[in-house]
Amino acid sequence: MALTFHGYWRATAPYRVRIGLALKGLPYDYAPVNLAAGEQREADYMRLNPQGLTPSLDAGDGPMTQSLSILEWLEETHPEPPLLPSDARSRQVVRAMAAIIACDIHPLNNLRVLKQLAALGVSEADRQTWIGRWMAEGFAALEPMIARHGDGFAFGAAPTLADCCLVPQVYSAHRYEVDLSPYPALRAAAEHAQNHPAFLAAHPDRQPDAVKA
């Protein structure tokens, strides 16, 4: 099964899926979509993803969209190694961790929201405050969950869906200079995961379209 992955090197939602693909050991063809240049709104890409968002993953039967649903598809079609625990209650916790990031933190800080805030006249300093506020609120909710359930990774001793979401969000937090000192368990889990080979391979700086500083 040939996979084609459409993403942008430093966007957090594609970063999640790259981690999942690497954890599953699945090769893919990479088709970069330059969000900064607006390529996600061009006609060819809009036919793939009418939302004009990344990522998209095509397995030959039409493009899949939405990072969490793609990760769930990877889990269902390639169950080893697992991204979800074996029991229902633990799976609920991992999915809750992932949702805090993907549903409650990231949507308020993604590129299109920040552009709209700028268009409404919100200053750069106030946009920075906005970013920090919503990341802090989500991280404060995650911290006790990771402290309770983590054992190296965010949940347990092996990477899960939660880590696929956590590491990109922490990357974004560093990018926007958000203080992580109040979240020692979260920070430790992210730092541990970042040294895993799959997470290293998925890092933004290692992508073909990465812009070198």
Protein backbone atom coordinates (compact mmCIF):
# COMPACT_ATOMS: atom_id res chain seq x y z
CA MET A 1 0.00 0.00 0.00
CA ALA A 2 1.62 3.24 -1.18
CA LEU A 3 1.02 6.26 1.04
CA THR A 4 1.25 9.92 0.04
CA PHE A 5 1.46 12.40 2.88
CA HIS A 6 0.66 16.09 2.42
CA GLY A 7 1.98 18.34 5.17
CA TYR A 8 4.03 21.33 6.21
CA TRP A 9 7.30 20.89 8.04
CA ARG A 10 6.63 22.86 11.23
CA ALA A 11 2.82 22.61 11.49
CA THR A 12 1.85 20.59 14.55
CA ALA A 13 -1.02 18.56 13.07
CA PRO A 14 1.13 17.05 10.27
CA TYR A 15 3.90 16.55 12.84
CA ARG A 16 1.52 14.29 14.85
CA VAL A 17 0.85 12.09 11.86
CA ARG A 18 4.52 11.89 10.89
CA ILE A 19 5.21 10.54 14.37
CA GLY A 20 2.44 7.97 13.98
CA LEU A 21 3.73 6.87 10.58
CA ALA A 22 7.26 6.55 11.97
CA LEU A 23 6.11 4.59 15.01
CA LYS A 24 4.26 2.19 12.72
CA GLY A 25 7.30 1.93 10.45
CA LEU A 26 5.34 2.99 7.37
CA PRO A 27 7.16 4.62 4.43
CA TYR A 28 5.41 7.33 2.44
CA ASP A 29 5.88 9.82 -0.35
CA TYR A 30 6.06 13.35 1.00
CA ALA A 31 4.15 16.12 -0.78
CA PRO A 32 4.89 19.43 0.98
CA VAL A 33 2.19 22.09 1.26
CA ASN A 34 3.63 25.50 2.09
CA LEU A 35 1.16 27.02 4.54
CA ALA A 36 3.14 30.24 4.84
CA ALA A 37 2.80 30.76 1.07
CA GLY A 38 -0.90 29.85 1.06
CA GLU A 39 -0.56 26.67 -1.01
CA GLN A 40 -3.27 25.02 1.10
CA ARG A 41 -5.79 27.31 -0.61
CA GLU A 42 -4.75 26.51 -4.16
CA ALA A 43 -7.21 24.60 -6.32
CA ASP A 44 -5.20 21.39 -6.60
CA TYR A 45 -4.89 21.01 -2.85
CA MET A 46 -8.46 22.10 -2.14
CA ARG A 47 -9.61 19.15 -4.25
CA LEU A 48 -7.75 16.89 -1.84
CA ASN A 49 -8.87 18.66 1.32
CA PRO A 50 -11.79 21.09 0.90
CA GLN A 51 -10.99 22.62 4.32
CA GLY A 52 -7.65 23.79 3.00
CA LEU A 53 -5.85 22.36 6.02
CA THR A 54 -2.98 19.95 6.56
CA PRO A 55 -2.36 17.08 6.89
CA SER A 56 -3.87 14.85 4.23
CA LEU A 57 -2.91 11.21 3.77
CA ASP A 58 -3.75 9.23 0.64
CA ALA A 59 -3.59 5.44 0.71
CA GLY A 60 -4.80 5.08 -2.87
CA ASP A 61 -8.52 5.25 -2.19
CA GLY A 62 -8.87 8.99 -1.69
CA PRO A 63 -7.35 11.46 0.78
CA MET A 64 -7.92 11.22 4.52
CA THR A 65 -8.00 14.38 6.61
CA GLN A 66 -7.92 15.40 10.29
CA SER A 67 -4.84 14.28 12.18
CA LEU A 68 -6.55 12.39 15.01
CA SER A 69 -8.75 10.42 12.63
CA ILE A 70 -5.69 9.56 10.52
CA LEU A 71 -3.86 8.35 13.63
CA GLU A 72 -6.88 6.22 14.55
CA TRP A 73 -6.90 4.81 11.00
CA LEU A 74 -3.23 3.94 11.35
CA GLU A 75 -4.01 2.15 14.61
CA GLU A 76 -6.86 0.17 13.07
CA THR A 77 -5.03 -0.81 9.89
CA HIS A 78 -1.56 -1.31 11.40
CA PRO A 79 -2.13 -2.30 15.03
CA GLU A 80 1.52 -3.02 15.87
CA PRO A 81 3.09 -1.38 17.69
CA PRO A 82 -0.06 -0.06 19.39
CA LEU A 83 -0.75 3.62 19.91
CA LEU A 84 -3.55 2.88 22.36
CA PRO A 85 -3.52 0.78 25.56
CA SER A 86 -5.22 -2.60 25.72
CA ASP A 87 -8.10 -1.73 28.09
CA ALA A 88 -11.01 0.61 27.42
CA ARG A 89 -10.50 2.87 30.44
CA SER A 90 -6.85 3.48 29.64
CA ARG A 91 -7.71 4.15 26.00
CA GLN A 92 -10.20 6.77 27.18
CA VAL A 93 -7.48 8.54 29.18
CA VAL A 94 -5.07 8.56 26.25
CA ARG A 95 -7.76 9.85 23.90
CA ALA A 96 -8.63 12.56 26.43
CA MET A 97 -5.00 13.67 26.59
CA ALA A 98 -4.83 13.81 22.80
CA ALA A 99 -8.11 15.72 22.59
CA ILE A 100 -7.00 18.37 25.10
CA ILE A 101 -4.17 19.17 22.71
CA ALA A 102 -5.82 18.64 19.34
CA CYS A 103 -9.24 20.09 20.20
CA ASP A 104 -8.64 22.64 22.97
CA ILE A 105 -5.08 23.99 22.60
CA HIS A 106 -4.04 23.78 18.96
CA PRO A 107 -7.14 25.21 17.22
CA LEU A 108 -6.80 28.47 19.14
CA ASN A 109 -3.14 28.91 18.17
CA ASN A 110 -2.91 27.70 14.59
CA LEU A 111 -1.83 29.85 11.67
CA ARG A 112 -5.27 30.84 10.40
CA VAL A 113 -6.40 32.00 13.87
CA LEU A 114 -3.24 34.03 14.42
CA LYS A 115 -3.61 35.61 10.98
CA GLN A 116 -7.21 36.53 11.76
CA LEU A 117 -6.20 38.08 15.08
CA ALA A 118 -3.60 40.16 13.25
CA ALA A 119 -6.20 41.20 10.66
CA LEU A 120 -8.45 42.37 13.50
CA GLY A 121 -5.68 44.62 14.75
CA VAL A 122 -4.50 42.51 17.69
CA SER A 123 -0.91 43.45 18.42
CA GLU A 124 1.93 40.96 18.30
CA ALA A 125 2.36 41.23 22.08
CA ASP A 126 -1.33 40.51 22.65
CA ARG A 127 -1.21 37.60 20.21
CA GLN A 128 1.69 36.21 22.23
CA THR A 129 -0.40 36.55 25.40
CA TRP A 130 -3.27 34.77 23.64
CA ILE A 131 -1.02 31.87 22.64
CA GLY A 132 0.43 31.52 26.13
CA ARG A 133 -2.94 31.67 27.83
CA TRP A 134 -4.48 28.76 25.89
CA MET A 135 -1.36 26.61 25.97
CA ALA A 136 -1.06 27.15 29.72
CA GLU A 137 -4.70 26.21 30.31
CA GLY A 138 -4.34 22.97 28.35
CA PHE A 139 -0.96 22.07 29.84
CA ALA A 140 -2.33 22.66 33.35
CA ALA A 141 -5.02 20.07 32.63
CA LEU A 142 -2.52 17.60 31.18
CA GLU A 143 0.07 17.90 33.96
CA PRO A 144 -1.79 15.88 36.65
CA MET A 145 -2.89 13.30 34.09
CA ILE A 146 0.68 12.69 32.97
CA ALA A 147 1.95 12.74 36.57
CA ARG A 148 -0.58 10.02 37.43
CA HIS A 149 -0.41 7.83 34.34
CA GLY A 150 3.01 8.44 32.83
CA ASP A 151 5.95 6.10 33.13
CA GLY A 152 8.50 7.74 30.87
CA PHE A 153 5.94 8.60 28.20
CA ALA A 154 2.71 10.56 28.73
CA PHE A 155 0.81 7.36 29.46
CA GLY A 156 2.79 4.33 30.52
CA ALA A 157 6.17 3.15 29.34
CA ALA A 158 5.55 3.18 25.58
CA PRO A 159 4.53 5.93 23.15
CA THR A 160 0.83 6.41 22.54
CA LEU A 161 -1.53 8.71 20.71
CA ALA A 162 -1.01 11.17 23.57
CA ASP A 163 2.71 11.50 22.80
CA CYS A 164 1.99 11.93 19.08
CA CYS A 165 0.08 15.07 20.07
CA LEU A 166 2.16 16.21 23.05
CA VAL A 167 5.58 16.44 21.42
CA PRO A 168 4.43 18.71 18.54
CA GLN A 169 2.57 20.94 20.99
CA VAL A 170 5.66 21.28 23.16
CA TYR A 171 7.65 22.09 20.01
CA SER A 172 5.13 24.87 19.35
CA ALA A 173 5.39 26.06 22.94
CA HIS A 174 9.17 26.42 22.60
CA ARG A 175 8.68 28.23 19.31
CA TYR A 176 6.39 30.78 20.98
CA GLU A 177 8.49 30.96 24.16
CA VAL A 178 5.78 29.60 26.46
CA ASP A 179 7.08 28.88 29.96
CA LEU A 180 6.97 25.12 30.65
CA SER A 181 8.45 25.24 34.14
CA PRO A 182 5.04 24.78 35.85
CA TYR A 183 4.61 21.39 34.13
CA PRO A 184 7.50 19.12 35.17
CA ALA A 185 5.75 15.83 34.38
CA LEU A 186 4.64 17.06 30.96
CA ARG A 187 8.07 18.42 30.19
CA ALA A 188 9.81 15.20 31.25
CA ALA A 189 7.47 13.05 29.13
CA ALA A 190 8.02 15.23 26.06
CA GLU A 191 11.80 15.26 26.52
CA HIS A 192 11.83 11.47 26.90
CA ALA A 193 9.73 10.96 23.77
CA GLN A 194 11.84 13.35 21.72
CA ASN A 195 14.78 10.94 21.97
CA HIS A 196 12.82 8.01 20.51
CA PRO A 197 13.93 7.25 16.92
CA ALA A 198 10.43 7.71 15.49
CA PHE A 199 10.08 11.14 17.09
CA LEU A 200 13.55 12.14 15.92
CA ALA A 201 12.67 11.13 12.34
CA ALA A 202 9.43 13.14 12.46
CA HIS A 203 11.02 16.33 13.83
CA PRO A 204 10.29 19.42 11.71
CA ASP A 205 13.96 20.18 11.11
CA ARG A 206 14.39 16.77 9.40
CA GLN A 207 11.67 17.30 6.81
CA PRO A 208 12.52 17.96 3.15
CA ASP A 209 10.70 21.29 3.11
CA ALA A 210 12.21 22.59 6.35
CA VAL A 211 13.41 26.17 6.22
CA LYS A 212 16.85 26.43 7.76
CA ALA A 213 17.39 29.23 10.25
